[in-house]
Protein backbone atom coordinates (compact mmCIF):
# COMPACT_ATOMS: atom_id res chain seq x y z
CA MET A 1 -30.69 -42.18 14.52
CA SER A 2 -30.33 -41.35 18.20
CA ILE A 3 -30.11 -37.88 19.71
CA ASN A 4 -26.44 -38.50 20.46
CA GLU A 5 -25.73 -39.36 16.82
CA ILE A 6 -27.56 -36.22 15.67
CA VAL A 7 -25.54 -34.07 18.08
CA VAL A 8 -22.25 -35.64 16.93
CA SER A 9 -23.21 -35.19 13.27
CA ALA A 10 -24.20 -31.56 13.90
CA GLU A 11 -20.90 -30.93 15.69
CA HIS A 12 -19.00 -32.35 12.71
CA VAL A 13 -20.93 -30.15 10.30
CA ALA A 14 -20.39 -27.12 12.53
CA ALA A 15 -16.66 -27.83 12.74
CA ARG A 16 -16.45 -28.10 8.95
CA VAL A 17 -18.41 -24.86 8.47
CA MET A 18 -16.16 -23.08 10.98
CA ALA A 19 -13.00 -24.39 9.29
CA ASP A 20 -14.28 -23.24 5.90
CA ALA A 21 -15.17 -19.81 7.31
CA ARG A 22 -11.72 -19.44 8.90
CA ALA A 23 -10.02 -20.44 5.65
CA GLU A 24 -12.15 -17.95 3.68
CA ALA A 25 -11.43 -15.19 6.23
CA GLN A 26 -7.69 -15.88 5.96
CA ARG A 27 -7.87 -15.83 2.15
CA LEU A 28 -9.70 -12.50 2.22
CA ARG A 29 -7.18 -11.04 4.71
CA GLU A 30 -4.32 -12.03 2.44
CA GLU A 31 -6.11 -10.59 -0.60
CA VAL A 32 -6.74 -7.29 1.20
CA ASP A 33 -3.12 -7.18 2.43
CA ASP A 34 -1.88 -7.66 -1.14
CA TYR A 35 -4.22 -4.92 -2.41
CA VAL A 36 -3.12 -2.46 0.29
CA ASP A 37 0.55 -3.29 -0.26
CA THR A 38 0.18 -2.66 -4.01
CA ALA A 39 -1.67 0.62 -3.39
CA LEU A 40 1.01 1.79 -0.95
CA ALA A 41 3.81 0.81 -3.35
CA ASN A 42 2.13 2.82 -6.13
CA PHE A 43 1.73 5.79 -3.80
CA GLU A 44 5.37 5.49 -2.77
CA GLN A 45 6.45 5.57 -6.43
CA PHE A 46 4.26 8.63 -7.03
CA LEU A 47 5.76 10.42 -4.02
CA THR A 48 9.30 9.48 -5.06
CA ARG A 49 8.72 10.92 -8.55
CA ALA A 50 7.13 14.04 -7.05
CA LEU A 51 10.06 14.57 -4.67
CA SER A 52 12.53 14.12 -7.52
CA SER A 53 10.63 16.67 -9.60
CA ILE A 54 10.60 19.13 -6.71
CA GLU A 55 14.32 18.63 -6.13
CA ARG A 56 15.08 19.23 -9.83
CA GLY A 57 12.93 22.37 -9.81
CA ARG A 58 14.65 23.75 -6.74
CA ASP A 59 18.09 22.97 -8.19
CA LYS A 60 17.14 24.75 -11.41
CA MET A 61 15.82 27.73 -9.47
CA HIS A 62 19.03 27.95 -7.42
CA ALA A 63 21.16 27.67 -10.57
CA LEU A 64 19.19 30.44 -12.27
CA ARG A 65 19.47 32.59 -9.17
CA GLU A 66 23.28 32.15 -9.17
CA ILE A 67 23.48 33.04 -12.85
CA GLY A 68 21.35 36.12 -12.25
CA THR A 69 23.53 37.13 -9.29
CA PHE A 70 26.72 36.78 -11.32
CA GLN A 71 25.29 38.75 -14.26
CA GLY A 72 24.10 41.48 -11.91
CA GLU A 73 27.60 41.78 -10.38
CA GLU A 74 29.24 42.07 -13.82
CA ASN A 75 26.93 44.94 -14.84
CA GLU A 76 27.77 46.99 -11.75
């Protein structure tokens, strides 16, 4: 085997290794993107439920305040 053949063979191996590494990097990027997207979606659902709970609590507080105001006016 000549030096030229060794160089060409090494270049082919290097190209294959690089292609495999790029494909693995792309797969890992997609996997991480999916993980982050799922985590953010779960966090969004948590925040949505929390905001709904806060809104219900404030509505209830306002309703109770109105009832208390009306009862206070009737007693005067």
